[in-house]
């Protein structure tokens, strides 16, 4: 059973790397909502932030 990660919408930002790494697997993939237990709205924001961070080279595409 996966743990629920508490999400504050103010935390969701592409510059907040420590927060975003909670939602990236060890292979570099974005972890799905079924495992993280976040809402659809927050999952979309998190996915967009991770993709922006990847584009800005703050987070690697693969590990």
C-alpha atoms as a PDB file:
ATOM      1  CA  UNK A   1       0.000   0.000   0.000  1.00  0.00           C
ATOM      2  CA  UNK A   2       1.417   3.335  -1.004  1.00  0.00           C
ATOM      3  CA  UNK A   3       1.551   6.230   1.383  1.00  0.00           C
ATOM      4  CA  UNK A   4      -0.515   9.337   0.828  1.00  0.00           C
ATOM      5  CA  UNK A   5       1.591  12.412   0.146  1.00  0.00           C
ATOM      6  CA  UNK A   6       0.184  15.647   1.508  1.00  0.00           C
ATOM      7  CA  UNK A   7       0.087  18.334  -1.172  1.00  0.00           C
ATOM      8  CA  UNK A   8      -0.215  22.043  -0.603  1.00  0.00           C
ATOM      9  CA  UNK A   9      -0.995  23.770  -3.902  1.00  0.00           C
ATOM     10  CA  UNK A  10       1.491  26.504  -3.008  1.00  0.00           C
ATOM     11  CA  UNK A  11       4.274  23.894  -3.017  1.00  0.00           C
ATOM     12  CA  UNK A  12       3.641  22.828  -6.615  1.00  0.00           C
ATOM     13  CA  UNK A  13       6.269  24.732  -8.546  1.00  0.00           C
ATOM     14  CA  UNK A  14       8.907  23.630 -11.045  1.00  0.00           C
ATOM     15  CA  UNK A  15      11.613  25.214  -8.867  1.00  0.00           C
ATOM     16  CA  UNK A  16      10.722  23.116  -5.810  1.00  0.00           C
ATOM     17  CA  UNK A  17      12.889  20.128  -6.741  1.00  0.00           C
ATOM     18  CA  UNK A  18      12.837  18.448  -3.329  1.00  0.00           C
ATOM     19  CA  UNK A  19       9.032  18.315  -3.416  1.00  0.00           C
ATOM     20  CA  UNK A  20       8.833  17.137  -7.041  1.00  0.00           C
ATOM     21  CA  UNK A  21      11.266  14.259  -6.488  1.00  0.00           C
ATOM     22  CA  UNK A  22       8.634  12.600  -4.284  1.00  0.00           C
ATOM     23  CA  UNK A  23       6.564  12.082  -7.437  1.00  0.00           C
ATOM     24  CA  UNK A  24       9.335  10.719  -9.671  1.00  0.00           C
ATOM     25  CA  UNK A  25      10.264   7.021  -9.623  1.00  0.00           C
ATOM     26  CA  UNK A  26      13.837   5.825  -9.442  1.00  0.00           C
ATOM     27  CA  UNK A  27      13.675   5.286 -13.212  1.00  0.00           C
ATOM     28  CA  UNK A  28      12.670   8.898 -13.842  1.00  0.00           C
ATOM     29  CA  UNK A  29       8.980   8.322 -14.566  1.00  0.00           C
ATOM     30  CA  UNK A  30       6.154  10.326 -13.029  1.00  0.00           C
ATOM     31  CA  UNK A  31       4.367   8.230 -10.394  1.00  0.00           C
ATOM     32  CA  UNK A  32       0.650   7.766 -11.033  1.00  0.00           C
ATOM     33  CA  UNK A  33      -2.194   9.027  -8.848  1.00  0.00           C
ATOM     34  CA  UNK A  34      -3.117   5.533  -7.724  1.00  0.00           C
ATOM     35  CA  UNK A  35       0.146   5.297  -5.770  1.00  0.00           C
ATOM     36  CA  UNK A  36       0.477   8.885  -4.548  1.00  0.00           C
ATOM     37  CA  UNK A  37      -3.232   9.350  -3.712  1.00  0.00           C
ATOM     38  CA  UNK A  38      -3.384  12.959  -4.918  1.00  0.00           C
ATOM     39  CA  UNK A  39      -6.367  14.527  -6.642  1.00  0.00           C
ATOM     40  CA  UNK A  40      -6.606  14.796 -10.413  1.00  0.00           C
ATOM     41  CA  UNK A  41      -6.233  18.566 -10.265  1.00  0.00           C
ATOM     42  CA  UNK A  42      -3.046  18.347  -8.204  1.00  0.00           C
ATOM     43  CA  UNK A  43      -1.650  15.478 -10.294  1.00  0.00           C
ATOM     44  CA  UNK A  44      -1.965  17.581 -13.449  1.00  0.00           C
ATOM     45  CA  UNK A  45      -0.188  20.490 -11.750  1.00  0.00           C
ATOM     46  CA  UNK A  46       2.557  18.173 -10.497  1.00  0.00           C
ATOM     47  CA  UNK A  47       3.023  16.587 -13.931  1.00  0.00           C
ATOM     48  CA  UNK A  48       3.257  19.999 -15.589  1.00  0.00           C
ATOM     49  CA  UNK A  49       5.762  21.195 -12.961  1.00  0.00           C
ATOM     50  CA  UNK A  50       7.922  18.088 -13.442  1.00  0.00           C
ATOM     51  CA  UNK A  51       7.885  18.528 -17.216  1.00  0.00           C
ATOM     52  CA  UNK A  52       8.861  22.197 -16.854  1.00  0.00           C
ATOM     53  CA  UNK A  53      11.667  21.279 -14.452  1.00  0.00           C
ATOM     54  CA  UNK A  54      12.928  18.681 -16.924  1.00  0.00           C
ATOM     55  CA  UNK A  55      12.873  21.219 -19.733  1.00  0.00           C
ATOM     56  CA  UNK A  56      14.784  23.723 -17.583  1.00  0.00           C
ATOM     57  CA  UNK A  57      17.330  20.948 -16.758  1.00  0.00           C
ATOM     58  CA  UNK A  58      16.562  21.063 -13.029  1.00  0.00           C
ATOM     59  CA  UNK A  59      15.455  17.416 -12.997  1.00  0.00           C
ATOM     60  CA  UNK A  60      16.909  14.724 -15.286  1.00  0.00           C
ATOM     61  CA  UNK A  61      14.682  12.927 -17.786  1.00  0.00           C
ATOM     62  CA  UNK A  62      16.125   9.560 -16.710  1.00  0.00           C
ATOM     63  CA  UNK A  63      18.248   8.479 -13.754  1.00  0.00           C
END
